[in-house]
Amino acid sequence: MNKAFSVRDLTKMALCVAFCCVTAYISFPLPMTPGMVTALTIALGITAFVLPPRQTFLAIACYILLGAVGLPVFAGNSGLGKLLGPAGGFYFAWLVAYPIISALKGKTPSFRRYAFLDIVIGMPITYLGGIISMMLVLHLSFVEALVPAVLPFIPGDIMKCLLASFLGVKVNQALNKR
């Protein structure tokens, strides 16, 4: 299936990439962890909820590529060092988690389904990516990496998943009125 993207598809993808870039700046560090709390995860959830899986993957890959080449779009700093550092696994996990969420979201917008998918699929896959990169870069055991990569982020990430789900429903309703 080598279908070309319509102008509407490309515009939605570009807006999702831009939203990811902007929301990454809404961030702050947490003590005792190399990861940052960021609003970017809200944008990633919305991206999965409004785009089909292939477009979700391409939009997130484009965002990561922009940061990899040094454009200041990541929380904190950008460049390959960010992707190869202790928190780099989060970025690569997004390429897996959010297209899966997009594939399972269904045809009709649903807050409950979106929230369930984001919390039960998005969070664990993202955390696993972060754990793996912290284990490799910081030479930690699984349990040692669990504390800085996962535990401090759970409450905020659940709230961000709920917000992304709410906004994803609203954006889809607005797009479907057209």
C-alpha atoms as a PDB file:
ATOM      1  CA  MET A   1       0.000   0.000   0.000  1.00  0.00           C
ATOM      2  CA  ASN A   2       1.976   2.930  -1.305  1.00  0.00           C
ATOM      3  CA  LYS A   3      -0.726   5.569  -1.123  1.00  0.00           C
ATOM      4  CA  ALA A   4       0.388   9.185  -1.437  1.00  0.00           C
ATOM      5  CA  PHE A   5      -0.556  11.594   1.309  1.00  0.00           C
ATOM      6  CA  SER A   6      -3.155  14.274   0.628  1.00  0.00           C
ATOM      7  CA  VAL A   7      -2.507  17.924   1.431  1.00  0.00           C
ATOM      8  CA  ARG A   8      -4.864  17.506   4.394  1.00  0.00           C
ATOM      9  CA  ASP A   9      -2.846  14.513   5.662  1.00  0.00           C
ATOM     10  CA  LEU A  10       0.449  16.384   5.327  1.00  0.00           C
ATOM     11  CA  THR A  11      -1.001  19.430   7.063  1.00  0.00           C
ATOM     12  CA  LYS A  12      -2.254  17.370  10.014  1.00  0.00           C
ATOM     13  CA  MET A  13       1.124  15.632  10.278  1.00  0.00           C
ATOM     14  CA  ALA A  14       2.993  18.948  10.141  1.00  0.00           C
ATOM     15  CA  LEU A  15       0.748  20.426  12.818  1.00  0.00           C
ATOM     16  CA  CYS A  16       1.358  17.392  15.038  1.00  0.00           C
ATOM     17  CA  VAL A  17       5.140  17.727  14.575  1.00  0.00           C
ATOM     18  CA  ALA A  18       4.941  21.449  15.372  1.00  0.00           C
ATOM     19  CA  PHE A  19       2.792  20.728  18.446  1.00  0.00           C
ATOM     20  CA  CYS A  20       5.398  18.218  19.637  1.00  0.00           C
ATOM     21  CA  CYS A  21       8.158  20.800  19.155  1.00  0.00           C
ATOM     22  CA  VAL A  22       6.299  23.473  21.123  1.00  0.00           C
ATOM     23  CA  THR A  23       5.122  21.257  23.981  1.00  0.00           C
ATOM     24  CA  ALA A  24       8.641  19.954  24.595  1.00  0.00           C
ATOM     25  CA  TYR A  25       9.479  23.418  25.895  1.00  0.00           C
ATOM     26  CA  ILE A  26       6.871  23.034  28.629  1.00  0.00           C
ATOM     27  CA  SER A  27       9.138  20.963  30.826  1.00  0.00           C
ATOM     28  CA  PHE A  28      11.059  20.847  34.056  1.00  0.00           C
ATOM     29  CA  PRO A  29      13.661  18.469  35.492  1.00  0.00           C
ATOM     30  CA  LEU A  30      12.936  16.102  38.348  1.00  0.00           C
ATOM     31  CA  PRO A  31      15.617  15.625  40.996  1.00  0.00           C
ATOM     32  CA  MET A  32      17.409  12.281  40.943  1.00  0.00           C
ATOM     33  CA  THR A  33      16.420  11.402  37.363  1.00  0.00           C
ATOM     34  CA  PRO A  34      17.917  12.272  33.967  1.00  0.00           C
ATOM     35  CA  GLY A  35      14.403  12.391  32.506  1.00  0.00           C
ATOM     36  CA  MET A  36      12.250  15.507  32.436  1.00  0.00           C
ATOM     37  CA  VAL A  37       8.579  16.100  33.025  1.00  0.00           C
ATOM     38  CA  THR A  38       7.279  17.473  29.751  1.00  0.00           C
ATOM     39  CA  ALA A  39       4.002  18.315  28.069  1.00  0.00           C
ATOM     40  CA  LEU A  40       5.344  16.595  24.954  1.00  0.00           C
ATOM     41  CA  THR A  41       3.634  13.365  25.955  1.00  0.00           C
ATOM     42  CA  ILE A  42       0.284  15.134  25.650  1.00  0.00           C
ATOM     43  CA  ALA A  43       1.148  16.088  22.066  1.00  0.00           C
ATOM     44  CA  LEU A  44       2.278  12.539  21.284  1.00  0.00           C
ATOM     45  CA  GLY A  45      -1.010  11.143  22.555  1.00  0.00           C
ATOM     46  CA  ILE A  46      -3.027  13.620  20.510  1.00  0.00           C
ATOM     47  CA  THR A  47      -0.908  12.753  17.465  1.00  0.00           C
ATOM     48  CA  ALA A  48      -1.823   9.072  17.872  1.00  0.00           C
ATOM     49  CA  PHE A  49      -5.488   9.921  18.364  1.00  0.00           C
ATOM     50  CA  VAL A  50      -5.855  12.139  15.268  1.00  0.00           C
ATOM     51  CA  LEU A  51      -3.555  10.405  12.764  1.00  0.00           C
ATOM     52  CA  PRO A  52      -3.583   6.867  11.393  1.00  0.00           C
ATOM     53  CA  PRO A  53      -0.676   4.615  12.482  1.00  0.00           C
ATOM     54  CA  ARG A  54       1.636   5.214   9.491  1.00  0.00           C
ATOM     55  CA  GLN A  55       1.216   8.979   9.728  1.00  0.00           C
ATOM     56  CA  THR A  56       1.694   8.831  13.511  1.00  0.00           C
ATOM     57  CA  PHE A  57       4.984   6.989  13.034  1.00  0.00           C
ATOM     58  CA  LEU A  58       6.178   9.435  10.367  1.00  0.00           C
ATOM     59  CA  ALA A  59       5.222  12.518  12.404  1.00  0.00           C
ATOM     60  CA  ILE A  60       7.056  11.247  15.501  1.00  0.00           C
ATOM     61  CA  ALA A  61      10.043  10.132  13.392  1.00  0.00           C
ATOM     62  CA  CYS A  62      10.166  13.607  11.831  1.00  0.00           C
ATOM     63  CA  TYR A  63      10.109  15.216  15.278  1.00  0.00           C
ATOM     64  CA  ILE A  64      12.938  12.945  16.478  1.00  0.00           C
ATOM     65  CA  LEU A  65      14.947  13.597  13.300  1.00  0.00           C
ATOM     66  CA  LEU A  66      14.613  17.358  13.794  1.00  0.00           C
ATOM     67  CA  GLY A  67      16.062  17.020  17.277  1.00  0.00           C
ATOM     68  CA  ALA A  68      18.735  14.533  16.181  1.00  0.00           C
ATOM     69  CA  VAL A  69      20.184  17.002  13.672  1.00  0.00           C
ATOM     70  CA  GLY A  70      20.412  19.622  16.396  1.00  0.00           C
ATOM     71  CA  LEU A  71      17.298  21.752  16.029  1.00  0.00           C
ATOM     72  CA  PRO A  72      16.230  22.807  19.539  1.00  0.00           C
ATOM     73  CA  VAL A  73      13.028  20.782  19.724  1.00  0.00           C
ATOM     74  CA  PHE A  74      13.768  18.372  22.579  1.00  0.00           C
ATOM     75  CA  ALA A  75      13.216  19.142  26.251  1.00  0.00           C
ATOM     76  CA  GLY A  76      16.527  20.353  27.681  1.00  0.00           C
ATOM     77  CA  ASN A  77      18.883  19.999  24.746  1.00  0.00           C
ATOM     78  CA  SER A  78      18.908  18.450  21.288  1.00  0.00           C
ATOM     79  CA  GLY A  79      21.267  16.459  19.126  1.00  0.00           C
ATOM     80  CA  LEU A  80      22.351  12.851  18.882  1.00  0.00           C
ATOM     81  CA  GLY A  81      23.757  13.031  22.403  1.00  0.00           C
ATOM     82  CA  LYS A  82      20.227  13.392  23.751  1.00  0.00           C
ATOM     83  CA  LEU A  83      19.075  10.295  21.851  1.00  0.00           C
ATOM     84  CA  LEU A  84      22.112   8.271  22.910  1.00  0.00           C
ATOM     85  CA  GLY A  85      21.968   9.468  26.526  1.00  0.00           C
ATOM     86  CA  PRO A  86      20.208   7.962  29.543  1.00  0.00           C
ATOM     87  CA  ALA A  87      16.783   9.268  28.496  1.00  0.00           C
ATOM     88  CA  GLY A  88      17.157   8.443  24.782  1.00  0.00           C
ATOM     89  CA  GLY A  89      15.168   5.241  25.065  1.00  0.00           C
ATOM     90  CA  PHE A  90      12.001   7.219  25.735  1.00  0.00           C
ATOM     91  CA  TYR A  91      12.258   8.809  22.273  1.00  0.00           C
ATOM     92  CA  PHE A  92      12.713   5.500  20.476  1.00  0.00           C
ATOM     93  CA  ALA A  93       9.905   3.877  22.470  1.00  0.00           C
ATOM     94  CA  TRP A  94       7.503   6.545  21.205  1.00  0.00           C
ATOM     95  CA  LEU A  95       8.051   5.230  17.668  1.00  0.00           C
ATOM     96  CA  VAL A  96       6.608   1.916  18.863  1.00  0.00           C
ATOM     97  CA  ALA A  97       3.998   2.970  21.423  1.00  0.00           C
ATOM     98  CA  TYR A  98       2.072   5.681  19.627  1.00  0.00           C
ATOM     99  CA  PRO A  99       1.548   3.951  16.250  1.00  0.00           C
ATOM    100  CA  ILE A 100       0.181   0.970  18.214  1.00  0.00           C
ATOM    101  CA  ILE A 101      -2.179   3.283  20.085  1.00  0.00           C
ATOM    102  CA  SER A 102      -3.213   4.832  16.777  1.00  0.00           C
ATOM    103  CA  ALA A 103      -3.911   1.395  15.300  1.00  0.00           C
ATOM    104  CA  LEU A 104      -6.106   0.405  18.250  1.00  0.00           C
ATOM    105  CA  LYS A 105      -7.979   3.689  18.794  1.00  0.00           C
ATOM    106  CA  GLY A 106     -11.058   2.697  16.784  1.00  0.00           C
ATOM    107  CA  LYS A 107     -13.046   4.702  14.287  1.00  0.00           C
ATOM    108  CA  THR A 108     -15.144   6.799  16.661  1.00  0.00           C
ATOM    109  CA  PRO A 109     -13.546   9.121  19.226  1.00  0.00           C
ATOM    110  CA  SER A 110     -13.833   7.724  22.750  1.00  0.00           C
ATOM    111  CA  PHE A 111     -12.307   9.264  25.864  1.00  0.00           C
ATOM    112  CA  ARG A 112     -12.360   5.950  27.726  1.00  0.00           C
ATOM    113  CA  ARG A 113     -10.734   3.986  24.912  1.00  0.00           C
ATOM    114  CA  TYR A 114      -8.107   6.682  24.292  1.00  0.00           C
ATOM    115  CA  ALA A 115      -7.257   6.948  27.993  1.00  0.00           C
ATOM    116  CA  PHE A 116      -7.103   3.181  28.388  1.00  0.00           C
ATOM    117  CA  LEU A 117      -4.771   2.782  25.392  1.00  0.00           C
ATOM    118  CA  ASP A 118      -2.506   5.650  26.406  1.00  0.00           C
ATOM    119  CA  ILE A 119      -2.181   4.421  30.001  1.00  0.00           C
ATOM    120  CA  VAL A 120      -2.032   0.651  29.352  1.00  0.00           C
ATOM    121  CA  ILE A 121       0.034   0.680  26.138  1.00  0.00           C
ATOM    122  CA  GLY A 122       1.727   4.068  25.828  1.00  0.00           C
ATOM    123  CA  MET A 123       3.070   4.415  29.342  1.00  0.00           C
ATOM    124  CA  PRO A 124       4.528   0.887  29.733  1.00  0.00           C
ATOM    125  CA  ILE A 125       6.218   0.862  26.311  1.00  0.00           C
ATOM    126  CA  THR A 126       7.629   4.340  26.905  1.00  0.00           C
ATOM    127  CA  TYR A 127       8.856   3.385  30.368  1.00  0.00           C
ATOM    128  CA  LEU A 128      10.449   0.221  29.032  1.00  0.00           C
ATOM    129  CA  GLY A 129      12.388   2.278  26.485  1.00  0.00           C
ATOM    130  CA  GLY A 130      13.578   4.615  29.233  1.00  0.00           C
ATOM    131  CA  ILE A 131      14.549   1.737  31.498  1.00  0.00           C
ATOM    132  CA  ILE A 132      16.554   0.065  28.728  1.00  0.00           C
ATOM    133  CA  SER A 133      18.476   3.229  27.848  1.00  0.00           C
ATOM    134  CA  MET A 134      19.229   3.971  31.502  1.00  0.00           C
ATOM    135  CA  MET A 135      20.400   0.391  32.035  1.00  0.00           C
ATOM    136  CA  LEU A 136      22.709   0.608  29.014  1.00  0.00           C
ATOM    137  CA  VAL A 137      24.048   4.147  29.467  1.00  0.00           C
ATOM    138  CA  LEU A 138      24.228   4.331  33.258  1.00  0.00           C
ATOM    139  CA  HIS A 139      25.043   0.617  33.775  1.00  0.00           C
ATOM    140  CA  LEU A 140      22.114   0.086  36.131  1.00  0.00           C
ATOM    141  CA  SER A 141      20.162  -3.054  36.917  1.00  0.00           C
ATOM    142  CA  PHE A 142      16.504  -3.224  35.933  1.00  0.00           C
ATOM    143  CA  VAL A 143      15.380  -2.331  39.458  1.00  0.00           C
ATOM    144  CA  GLU A 144      17.931   0.486  39.756  1.00  0.00           C
ATOM    145  CA  ALA A 145      16.725   1.957  36.449  1.00  0.00           C
ATOM    146  CA  LEU A 146      13.066   1.580  37.427  1.00  0.00           C
ATOM    147  CA  VAL A 147      13.324   4.292  40.083  1.00  0.00           C
ATOM    148  CA  PRO A 148      14.636   7.172  37.932  1.00  0.00           C
ATOM    149  CA  ALA A 149      12.910   6.091  34.694  1.00  0.00           C
ATOM    150  CA  VAL A 150       9.406   5.259  35.913  1.00  0.00           C
ATOM    151  CA  LEU A 151       8.313   5.769  39.501  1.00  0.00           C
ATOM    152  CA  PRO A 152       8.463   9.582  39.767  1.00  0.00           C
ATOM    153  CA  PHE A 153       6.600   9.991  36.471  1.00  0.00           C
ATOM    154  CA  ILE A 154       3.549   7.733  36.955  1.00  0.00           C
ATOM    155  CA  PRO A 155       1.080  10.196  38.562  1.00  0.00           C
ATOM    156  CA  GLY A 156       1.829  13.026  36.132  1.00  0.00           C
ATOM    157  CA  ASP A 157       1.808  10.724  33.126  1.00  0.00           C
ATOM    158  CA  ILE A 158      -1.629   9.387  34.032  1.00  0.00           C
ATOM    159  CA  MET A 159      -2.929  12.963  34.211  1.00  0.00           C
ATOM    160  CA  LYS A 160      -1.288  13.795  30.877  1.00  0.00           C
ATOM    161  CA  CYS A 161      -2.837  10.685  29.291  1.00  0.00           C
ATOM    162  CA  LEU A 162      -6.260  11.776  30.494  1.00  0.00           C
ATOM    163  CA  LEU A 163      -5.738  15.305  29.136  1.00  0.00           C
ATOM    164  CA  ALA A 164      -4.468  13.976  25.791  1.00  0.00           C
ATOM    165  CA  SER A 165      -7.504  11.683  25.574  1.00  0.00           C
ATOM    166  CA  PHE A 166      -9.910  14.525  26.287  1.00  0.00           C
ATOM    167  CA  LEU A 167      -8.232  16.801  23.745  1.00  0.00           C
ATOM    168  CA  GLY A 168      -7.931  13.970  21.211  1.00  0.00           C
ATOM    169  CA  VAL A 169     -11.702  13.439  21.329  1.00  0.00           C
ATOM    170  CA  LYS A 170     -12.341  17.175  20.915  1.00  0.00           C
ATOM    171  CA  VAL A 171      -9.897  17.534  18.007  1.00  0.00           C
ATOM    172  CA  ASN A 172     -11.362  14.498  16.239  1.00  0.00           C
ATOM    173  CA  GLN A 173     -14.892  15.816  16.713  1.00  0.00           C
ATOM    174  CA  ALA A 174     -13.829  19.138  15.199  1.00  0.00           C
ATOM    175  CA  LEU A 175     -12.048  17.423  12.287  1.00  0.00           C
ATOM    176  CA  ASN A 176     -15.023  15.130  11.605  1.00  0.00           C
ATOM    177  CA  LYS A 177     -17.465  18.045  11.384  1.00  0.00           C
ATOM    178  CA  ARG A 178     -15.736  19.108   8.217  1.00  0.00           C
END
